[in-house]
Amino acid sequence: MIITVVRYYKWPPPVIDDMYVDDIDYKGLVFWYNDAEAQDKKHKELMKNKNGLRS
C-alpha cells in the first residue's frame, strides 16, 4: 500500500511517515491508497472508451 501511494502521488518519505494507518485521520494512508485506486480505475475506463473498447 505504501509503495502504491508513493509512486502515485510522488510524496517524499516524511509526508508518508506522517500519515496514519488507522481510521483516526480521514486523510491517512488508507484514504489516499483508495483514492489512487479509484483514479486508476477511472483512467483505465477512459482509455478503454477512448480506444473504442467499450464493454
Protein backbone atom coordinates (compact mmCIF):
# COMPACT_ATOMS: atom_id res chain seq x y z
CA MET A 1 0.00 0.00 0.00
CA ILE A 2 2.77 2.45 0.88
CA ILE A 3 4.60 1.83 -2.39
CA THR A 4 1.42 2.48 -4.38
CA VAL A 5 0.79 5.81 -2.65
CA VAL A 6 4.42 6.91 -3.02
CA ARG A 7 4.51 6.03 -6.72
CA TYR A 8 1.13 7.56 -7.48
CA TYR A 9 1.47 10.86 -5.61
CA LYS A 10 5.29 11.06 -5.57
CA TRP A 11 5.29 12.28 -1.97
CA PRO A 12 8.59 12.24 -0.06
CA PRO A 13 9.13 9.85 2.88
CA PRO A 14 8.49 12.50 5.58
CA VAL A 15 4.98 13.09 4.20
CA ILE A 16 4.24 9.36 4.15
CA ASP A 17 5.69 8.96 7.67
CA ASP A 18 3.18 11.49 8.99
CA MET A 19 0.19 9.55 7.69
CA TYR A 20 -1.95 7.35 9.88
CA VAL A 21 -2.79 3.76 9.03
CA ASP A 22 -5.96 3.64 11.15
CA ASP A 23 -9.34 5.36 10.96
CA ILE A 24 -8.43 8.32 13.16
CA ASP A 25 -7.20 10.53 10.33
CA TYR A 26 -9.52 10.71 7.32
CA LYS A 27 -6.56 11.66 5.12
CA GLY A 28 -4.44 8.77 6.28
CA LEU A 29 -2.63 6.26 4.16
CA VAL A 30 -5.69 4.09 3.56
CA PHE A 31 -7.67 7.11 2.30
CA TRP A 32 -5.00 8.05 -0.25
CA TYR A 33 -4.50 4.42 -1.32
CA ASN A 34 -8.23 4.07 -2.02
CA ASP A 35 -8.18 7.39 -3.87
CA ALA A 36 -5.25 6.26 -6.04
CA GLU A 37 -7.07 3.02 -6.86
CA ALA A 38 -10.26 4.89 -7.79
CA GLN A 39 -8.37 7.33 -10.02
CA ASP A 40 -6.50 4.47 -11.70
CA LYS A 41 -9.78 2.66 -12.39
CA LYS A 42 -11.32 5.83 -13.88
CA HIS A 43 -8.26 6.37 -16.07
CA LYS A 44 -8.36 2.79 -17.36
CA GLU A 45 -12.06 3.12 -18.20
CA LEU A 46 -11.48 6.40 -20.02
CA MET A 47 -8.64 4.89 -22.02
CA LYS A 48 -10.75 1.85 -22.88
CA ASN A 49 -13.60 4.07 -24.08
CA LYS A 50 -11.22 6.35 -25.98
CA ASN A 51 -9.80 3.38 -27.86
CA GLY A 52 -13.26 2.10 -28.77
CA LEU A 53 -13.09 -0.89 -26.50
CA ARG A 54 -16.30 -0.31 -24.57
CA SER A 55 -17.50 -3.29 -22.65
